[in-house]
Amino acid sequence: MDNDLKNILNIPNTLTLARLALLPIIILCLYLEAAWVGLALYTIAALTDFLDGYLARKMDLITPFGTFLDPISDKVFVSLLLIVMVDTGQLSGVFILPVLIILTREFLISG
């Protein structure tokens, strides 16, 4: 394995990629009304978010790829889950306003 690929596939970056891989499964759980399973998977994803940052700093495995991917994965994760929760009716009425504010903020800051 060449050195660039080895740097990309370190433990923290692999955790970030795993978190992104969980996202479609969590979304499927929300559409199938298996919210408790989705919550359990979301909790695992949140733990990987903490763990990847901790390990990257602790093991000195901070890479440009990880620095780029981690915040983007966080934004994608939150944005898609909020959109799905609105789509499935789990968030409605006045509770859509915070979703709009969060999404607008993400686009303005990241865009």
Protein backbone atom coordinates (compact mmCIF):
# COMPACT_ATOMS: atom_id res chain seq x y z
CA MET A 1 0.00 0.00 0.00
CA ASP A 2 1.52 3.32 -0.98
CA ASN A 3 2.12 6.00 1.62
CA ASP A 4 -0.66 8.38 0.44
CA LEU A 5 -3.32 5.69 0.69
CA LYS A 6 -1.94 4.62 4.07
CA ASN A 7 -2.32 8.22 5.33
CA ILE A 8 -5.89 8.40 4.05
CA LEU A 9 -6.96 5.05 5.50
CA ASN A 10 -5.73 5.64 9.03
CA ILE A 11 -8.00 4.79 11.97
CA PRO A 12 -9.58 8.26 12.45
CA ASN A 13 -10.35 8.66 8.73
CA THR A 14 -11.76 5.15 8.57
CA LEU A 15 -14.07 6.01 11.48
CA THR A 16 -15.24 9.11 9.62
CA LEU A 17 -15.93 7.06 6.49
CA ALA A 18 -17.76 4.46 8.61
CA ARG A 19 -19.91 7.23 10.06
CA LEU A 20 -20.87 8.29 6.55
CA ALA A 21 -21.62 4.67 5.66
CA LEU A 22 -24.07 4.49 8.58
CA LEU A 23 -26.05 7.46 7.29
CA PRO A 24 -28.12 5.64 4.63
CA ILE A 25 -28.95 2.91 7.15
CA ILE A 26 -30.10 5.49 9.70
CA ILE A 27 -32.19 7.23 7.04
CA LEU A 28 -33.75 3.90 6.06
CA CYS A 29 -34.60 3.28 9.72
CA LEU A 30 -36.41 6.62 9.87
CA TYR A 31 -38.44 5.82 6.75
CA LEU A 32 -39.24 2.32 8.02
CA GLU A 33 -40.34 3.80 11.36
CA ALA A 34 -37.61 1.93 13.21
CA ALA A 35 -36.65 5.08 15.10
CA TRP A 36 -35.10 3.25 18.05
CA VAL A 37 -32.74 1.35 15.76
CA GLY A 38 -31.95 4.62 14.01
CA LEU A 39 -31.27 6.24 17.37
CA ALA A 40 -28.91 3.42 18.36
CA LEU A 41 -27.01 3.75 15.07
CA TYR A 42 -26.95 7.54 15.43
CA THR A 43 -25.44 7.11 18.91
CA ILE A 44 -22.74 4.86 17.46
CA ALA A 45 -22.09 7.45 14.75
CA ALA A 46 -21.80 10.20 17.38
CA LEU A 47 -19.30 8.11 19.30
CA THR A 48 -17.21 7.61 16.16
CA ASP A 49 -17.28 11.38 15.65
CA PHE A 50 -15.80 11.88 19.10
CA LEU A 51 -13.40 8.97 18.75
CA ASP A 52 -11.98 9.95 15.36
CA GLY A 53 -11.02 13.41 16.61
CA TYR A 54 -9.60 12.05 19.84
CA LEU A 55 -7.53 9.39 18.09
CA ALA A 56 -6.32 11.77 15.39
CA ARG A 57 -4.91 14.09 18.05
CA LYS A 58 -3.71 11.39 20.44
CA MET A 59 -1.97 9.30 17.76
CA ASP A 60 -0.81 12.34 15.75
CA LEU A 61 -2.76 11.14 12.71
CA ILE A 62 -4.15 14.49 11.61
CA THR A 63 -4.17 14.52 7.80
CA PRO A 64 -5.35 17.04 5.21
CA PHE A 65 -7.93 14.46 4.05
CA GLY A 66 -9.28 14.04 7.60
CA THR A 67 -9.25 17.78 8.24
CA PHE A 68 -11.32 18.21 5.08
CA LEU A 69 -13.64 15.20 5.46
CA ASP A 70 -14.62 15.34 9.13
CA PRO A 71 -16.42 18.71 9.14
CA ILE A 72 -18.07 17.95 5.81
CA SER A 73 -19.32 14.59 7.06
CA ASP A 74 -20.74 16.30 10.15
CA LYS A 75 -22.62 18.83 8.02
CA VAL A 76 -23.92 16.19 5.61
CA PHE A 77 -24.99 14.00 8.53
CA VAL A 78 -26.93 16.69 10.35
CA SER A 79 -28.43 18.25 7.22
CA LEU A 80 -29.69 15.00 5.73
CA LEU A 81 -31.13 13.75 9.01
CA LEU A 82 -32.98 17.02 9.57
CA ILE A 83 -34.37 16.94 6.03
CA VAL A 84 -35.50 13.32 6.43
CA MET A 85 -37.11 14.10 9.79
CA VAL A 86 -39.10 16.90 8.15
CA ASP A 87 -39.98 14.65 5.21
CA THR A 88 -41.23 11.83 7.44
CA GLY A 89 -43.24 14.23 9.59
CA GLN A 90 -41.14 13.67 12.71
CA LEU A 91 -40.51 17.41 12.68
CA SER A 92 -43.40 19.62 11.62
CA GLY A 93 -45.07 22.91 12.25
CA VAL A 94 -43.03 25.41 14.19
CA PHE A 95 -40.22 22.86 14.57
CA ILE A 96 -39.35 23.28 10.90
CA LEU A 97 -38.11 26.82 11.62
CA PRO A 98 -34.98 25.66 13.53
CA VAL A 99 -34.27 23.24 10.67
CA LEU A 100 -34.40 26.11 8.19
CA ILE A 101 -32.16 28.24 10.39
CA ILE A 102 -29.62 25.44 10.81
CA LEU A 103 -29.54 24.64 7.09
CA THR A 104 -29.30 28.31 6.13
CA ARG A 105 -26.45 28.82 8.56
CA GLU A 106 -24.60 25.78 7.19
CA PHE A 107 -24.91 27.02 3.62
CA LEU A 108 -23.89 30.57 4.50
CA ILE A 109 -20.86 29.57 6.57
CA SER A 110 -19.66 26.68 4.44
CA GLY A 111 -20.66 28.11 1.08
